[in-house]
Amino acid sequence: MEALRSQGLTALRLILAFTLLSTTLHYAHNVIRAADYPQIDGIPVGVAATLVAVAYFVFTAFGLAGYRDYLRGRYWRALVFLMVFSLSGLASLGHFLVGVPQVPAFWFATIFTDGASALLLWGFTTWAATKLNRVPAPA
């Protein structure tokens, strides 16, 4: 458990900072310039932008809850919340299910940084879960 507190907390803070920066930039652009992103037939641009904004706040709440529980030592619960938060990055890759966004290169790159942040969170939660599952050898 000491590894989770010492090594894990620093890594988690860095990953969360990267994730929050990436998702905030990408989701904000996605809301402001919603018409530049591929649309799903039957869903008006304004409705899509609203759904993206709501999703951002819901996902971010899970990330903050995960961080809070990690600080309190409720590691399993924290890891579940962090995995839900990672879906914010994976959801960004969903743009490609309906087409290729016609946005400037910087904003296009944030789709991939969101995906990368999700993978980093998965890696972190996997590492932390393996630390939690270690059973001490009998003395």
C-alpha atoms as a PDB file:
ATOM      1  CA  MET A   1       0.000   0.000   0.000  1.00  0.00           C
ATOM      2  CA  GLU A   2       2.953   2.299   0.555  1.00  0.00           C
ATOM      3  CA  ALA A   3       3.741   2.200  -3.176  1.00  0.00           C
ATOM      4  CA  LEU A   4       0.233   3.435  -3.912  1.00  0.00           C
ATOM      5  CA  ARG A   5       0.692   6.390  -1.598  1.00  0.00           C
ATOM      6  CA  SER A   6       4.251   7.342  -2.589  1.00  0.00           C
ATOM      7  CA  GLN A   7       4.806   6.393  -6.244  1.00  0.00           C
ATOM      8  CA  GLY A   8       1.155   6.199  -7.184  1.00  0.00           C
ATOM      9  CA  LEU A   9       0.053   9.617  -6.035  1.00  0.00           C
ATOM     10  CA  THR A  10       2.657  11.469  -8.069  1.00  0.00           C
ATOM     11  CA  ALA A  11       1.906   9.420 -11.178  1.00  0.00           C
ATOM     12  CA  LEU A  12      -1.832   9.857 -10.699  1.00  0.00           C
ATOM     13  CA  ARG A  13      -1.498  13.619 -10.352  1.00  0.00           C
ATOM     14  CA  LEU A  14       0.529  13.857 -13.561  1.00  0.00           C
ATOM     15  CA  ILE A  15      -1.885  11.641 -15.494  1.00  0.00           C
ATOM     16  CA  LEU A  16      -4.927  13.531 -14.207  1.00  0.00           C
ATOM     17  CA  ALA A  17      -3.347  16.890 -15.067  1.00  0.00           C
ATOM     18  CA  PHE A  18      -2.621  15.694 -18.608  1.00  0.00           C
ATOM     19  CA  THR A  19      -6.099  14.200 -18.949  1.00  0.00           C
ATOM     20  CA  LEU A  20      -7.858  17.308 -17.660  1.00  0.00           C
ATOM     21  CA  LEU A  21      -5.846  19.568 -19.938  1.00  0.00           C
ATOM     22  CA  SER A  22      -6.492  17.416 -22.992  1.00  0.00           C
ATOM     23  CA  THR A  23     -10.178  16.762 -22.387  1.00  0.00           C
ATOM     24  CA  THR A  24     -10.911  20.354 -21.398  1.00  0.00           C
ATOM     25  CA  LEU A  25      -9.342  21.643 -24.604  1.00  0.00           C
ATOM     26  CA  HIS A  26     -10.940  19.013 -26.819  1.00  0.00           C
ATOM     27  CA  TYR A  27     -14.420  19.065 -25.292  1.00  0.00           C
ATOM     28  CA  ALA A  28     -14.493  22.888 -25.220  1.00  0.00           C
ATOM     29  CA  HIS A  29     -13.573  23.033 -28.902  1.00  0.00           C
ATOM     30  CA  ASN A  30     -16.087  20.308 -29.622  1.00  0.00           C
ATOM     31  CA  VAL A  31     -18.824  22.412 -27.988  1.00  0.00           C
ATOM     32  CA  ILE A  32     -17.796  25.755 -29.491  1.00  0.00           C
ATOM     33  CA  ARG A  33     -17.180  24.383 -33.011  1.00  0.00           C
ATOM     34  CA  ALA A  34     -19.620  21.462 -32.936  1.00  0.00           C
ATOM     35  CA  ALA A  35     -20.534  21.938 -36.604  1.00  0.00           C
ATOM     36  CA  ASP A  36     -16.917  21.174 -37.603  1.00  0.00           C
ATOM     37  CA  TYR A  37     -17.163  17.668 -36.219  1.00  0.00           C
ATOM     38  CA  PRO A  38     -18.949  14.751 -37.918  1.00  0.00           C
ATOM     39  CA  GLN A  39     -22.639  14.758 -37.082  1.00  0.00           C
ATOM     40  CA  ILE A  40     -24.968  11.899 -36.327  1.00  0.00           C
ATOM     41  CA  ASP A  41     -28.062  11.995 -38.521  1.00  0.00           C
ATOM     42  CA  GLY A  42     -31.114  13.232 -36.654  1.00  0.00           C
ATOM     43  CA  ILE A  43     -29.232  14.978 -33.848  1.00  0.00           C
ATOM     44  CA  PRO A  44     -29.130  18.777 -34.263  1.00  0.00           C
ATOM     45  CA  VAL A  45     -25.754  20.461 -33.760  1.00  0.00           C
ATOM     46  CA  GLY A  46     -26.986  22.363 -30.693  1.00  0.00           C
ATOM     47  CA  VAL A  47     -28.192  19.178 -29.030  1.00  0.00           C
ATOM     48  CA  ALA A  48     -24.884  17.451 -29.811  1.00  0.00           C
ATOM     49  CA  ALA A  49     -22.934  20.369 -28.319  1.00  0.00           C
ATOM     50  CA  THR A  50     -25.069  20.253 -25.173  1.00  0.00           C
ATOM     51  CA  LEU A  51     -24.543  16.506 -24.812  1.00  0.00           C
ATOM     52  CA  VAL A  52     -20.781  16.968 -25.134  1.00  0.00           C
ATOM     53  CA  ALA A  53     -20.791  19.673 -22.447  1.00  0.00           C
ATOM     54  CA  VAL A  54     -22.827  17.523 -20.071  1.00  0.00           C
ATOM     55  CA  ALA A  55     -20.606  14.500 -20.753  1.00  0.00           C
ATOM     56  CA  TYR A  56     -17.502  16.557 -19.953  1.00  0.00           C
ATOM     57  CA  PHE A  57     -18.833  17.551 -16.534  1.00  0.00           C
ATOM     58  CA  VAL A  58     -20.060  14.036 -15.730  1.00  0.00           C
ATOM     59  CA  PHE A  59     -16.753  12.425 -16.713  1.00  0.00           C
ATOM     60  CA  THR A  60     -14.769  15.079 -14.833  1.00  0.00           C
ATOM     61  CA  ALA A  61     -16.858  14.488 -11.702  1.00  0.00           C
ATOM     62  CA  PHE A  62     -15.869  10.808 -11.847  1.00  0.00           C
ATOM     63  CA  GLY A  63     -12.214  11.784 -12.208  1.00  0.00           C
ATOM     64  CA  LEU A  64     -12.369  14.128  -9.224  1.00  0.00           C
ATOM     65  CA  ALA A  65     -14.204  11.489  -7.153  1.00  0.00           C
ATOM     66  CA  GLY A  66     -11.521   8.970  -8.070  1.00  0.00           C
ATOM     67  CA  TYR A  67      -8.759  11.332  -7.010  1.00  0.00           C
ATOM     68  CA  ARG A  68     -10.557  12.143  -3.746  1.00  0.00           C
ATOM     69  CA  ASP A  69     -11.029   8.466  -2.904  1.00  0.00           C
ATOM     70  CA  TYR A  70      -7.420   7.696  -3.808  1.00  0.00           C
ATOM     71  CA  LEU A  71      -6.262  10.356  -1.347  1.00  0.00           C
ATOM     72  CA  ARG A  72      -8.508   8.819   1.325  1.00  0.00           C
ATOM     73  CA  GLY A  73      -7.075   5.357   0.764  1.00  0.00           C
ATOM     74  CA  ARG A  74     -10.249   3.920  -0.770  1.00  0.00           C
ATOM     75  CA  TYR A  75      -8.226   2.521  -3.629  1.00  0.00           C
ATOM     76  CA  TRP A  76     -10.625   0.057  -5.250  1.00  0.00           C
ATOM     77  CA  ARG A  77     -13.404   2.605  -5.360  1.00  0.00           C
ATOM     78  CA  ALA A  78     -10.961   5.205  -6.698  1.00  0.00           C
ATOM     79  CA  LEU A  79      -9.833   2.869  -9.471  1.00  0.00           C
ATOM     80  CA  VAL A  80     -13.418   2.271 -10.585  1.00  0.00           C
ATOM     81  CA  PHE A  81     -14.068   6.021 -10.755  1.00  0.00           C
ATOM     82  CA  LEU A  82     -10.821   6.571 -12.646  1.00  0.00           C
ATOM     83  CA  MET A  83     -11.744   3.893 -15.182  1.00  0.00           C
ATOM     84  CA  VAL A  84     -15.079   5.631 -15.780  1.00  0.00           C
ATOM     85  CA  PHE A  85     -13.193   8.916 -16.172  1.00  0.00           C
ATOM     86  CA  SER A  86     -10.938   7.285 -18.780  1.00  0.00           C
ATOM     87  CA  LEU A  87     -14.003   6.859 -20.987  1.00  0.00           C
ATOM     88  CA  SER A  88     -13.824  10.607 -21.659  1.00  0.00           C
ATOM     89  CA  GLY A  89     -10.683   9.988 -23.690  1.00  0.00           C
ATOM     90  CA  LEU A  90     -12.052   6.965 -25.460  1.00  0.00           C
ATOM     91  CA  ALA A  91     -15.254   8.807 -26.335  1.00  0.00           C
ATOM     92  CA  SER A  92     -13.187  11.352 -28.266  1.00  0.00           C
ATOM     93  CA  LEU A  93     -12.035   8.613 -30.625  1.00  0.00           C
ATOM     94  CA  GLY A  94     -15.708   8.052 -31.429  1.00  0.00           C
ATOM     95  CA  HIS A  95     -15.542  10.937 -33.894  1.00  0.00           C
ATOM     96  CA  PHE A  96     -14.027   8.518 -36.372  1.00  0.00           C
ATOM     97  CA  LEU A  97     -17.077   6.245 -36.219  1.00  0.00           C
ATOM     98  CA  VAL A  98     -19.065   8.823 -38.191  1.00  0.00           C
ATOM     99  CA  GLY A  99     -16.339  10.572 -40.195  1.00  0.00           C
ATOM    100  CA  VAL A 100     -13.096  12.491 -40.023  1.00  0.00           C
ATOM    101  CA  PRO A 101     -13.347  15.859 -38.250  1.00  0.00           C
ATOM    102  CA  GLN A 102     -12.512  18.843 -40.437  1.00  0.00           C
ATOM    103  CA  VAL A 103     -10.687  20.835 -37.788  1.00  0.00           C
ATOM    104  CA  PRO A 104      -7.233  22.471 -37.587  1.00  0.00           C
ATOM    105  CA  ALA A 105      -4.326  20.145 -36.784  1.00  0.00           C
ATOM    106  CA  PHE A 106      -4.015  21.254 -33.140  1.00  0.00           C
ATOM    107  CA  TRP A 107      -7.641  20.402 -32.391  1.00  0.00           C
ATOM    108  CA  PHE A 108      -7.384  17.197 -34.392  1.00  0.00           C
ATOM    109  CA  ALA A 109      -4.408  16.204 -32.226  1.00  0.00           C
ATOM    110  CA  THR A 110      -6.476  16.617 -29.047  1.00  0.00           C
ATOM    111  CA  ILE A 111      -8.589  13.663 -30.171  1.00  0.00           C
ATOM    112  CA  PHE A 112      -5.463  11.520 -29.942  1.00  0.00           C
ATOM    113  CA  THR A 113      -4.174  13.075 -26.717  1.00  0.00           C
ATOM    114  CA  ASP A 114      -7.555  12.195 -25.199  1.00  0.00           C
ATOM    115  CA  GLY A 115      -7.089   8.602 -26.346  1.00  0.00           C
ATOM    116  CA  ALA A 116      -3.548   8.575 -24.967  1.00  0.00           C
ATOM    117  CA  SER A 117      -4.747   9.916 -21.617  1.00  0.00           C
ATOM    118  CA  ALA A 118      -7.299   7.097 -21.433  1.00  0.00           C
ATOM    119  CA  LEU A 119      -4.544   4.545 -22.030  1.00  0.00           C
ATOM    120  CA  LEU A 120      -2.399   6.165 -19.341  1.00  0.00           C
ATOM    121  CA  LEU A 121      -5.288   5.919 -16.872  1.00  0.00           C
ATOM    122  CA  TRP A 122      -5.796   2.267 -17.801  1.00  0.00           C
ATOM    123  CA  GLY A 123      -2.109   1.603 -17.262  1.00  0.00           C
ATOM    124  CA  PHE A 124      -2.194   3.356 -13.908  1.00  0.00           C
ATOM    125  CA  THR A 125      -5.282   1.517 -12.696  1.00  0.00           C
ATOM    126  CA  THR A 126      -3.804  -1.804 -13.810  1.00  0.00           C
ATOM    127  CA  TRP A 127      -0.569  -1.055 -11.952  1.00  0.00           C
ATOM    128  CA  ALA A 128      -2.477   0.012  -8.814  1.00  0.00           C
ATOM    129  CA  ALA A 129      -4.757  -3.037  -8.940  1.00  0.00           C
ATOM    130  CA  THR A 130      -1.744  -5.357  -9.116  1.00  0.00           C
ATOM    131  CA  LYS A 131      -0.300  -3.650  -6.038  1.00  0.00           C
ATOM    132  CA  LEU A 132      -3.597  -4.082  -4.204  1.00  0.00           C
ATOM    133  CA  ASN A 133      -3.877  -7.749  -5.144  1.00  0.00           C
ATOM    134  CA  ARG A 134      -0.475  -8.743  -3.799  1.00  0.00           C
ATOM    135  CA  VAL A 135      -0.785 -11.132  -0.928  1.00  0.00           C
ATOM    136  CA  PRO A 136       2.141 -11.085   1.476  1.00  0.00           C
ATOM    137  CA  ALA A 137       4.097 -14.332   1.627  1.00  0.00           C
ATOM    138  CA  PRO A 138       3.683 -16.301   4.852  1.00  0.00           C
ATOM    139  CA  ALA A 139       6.480 -15.682   7.332  1.00  0.00           C
END
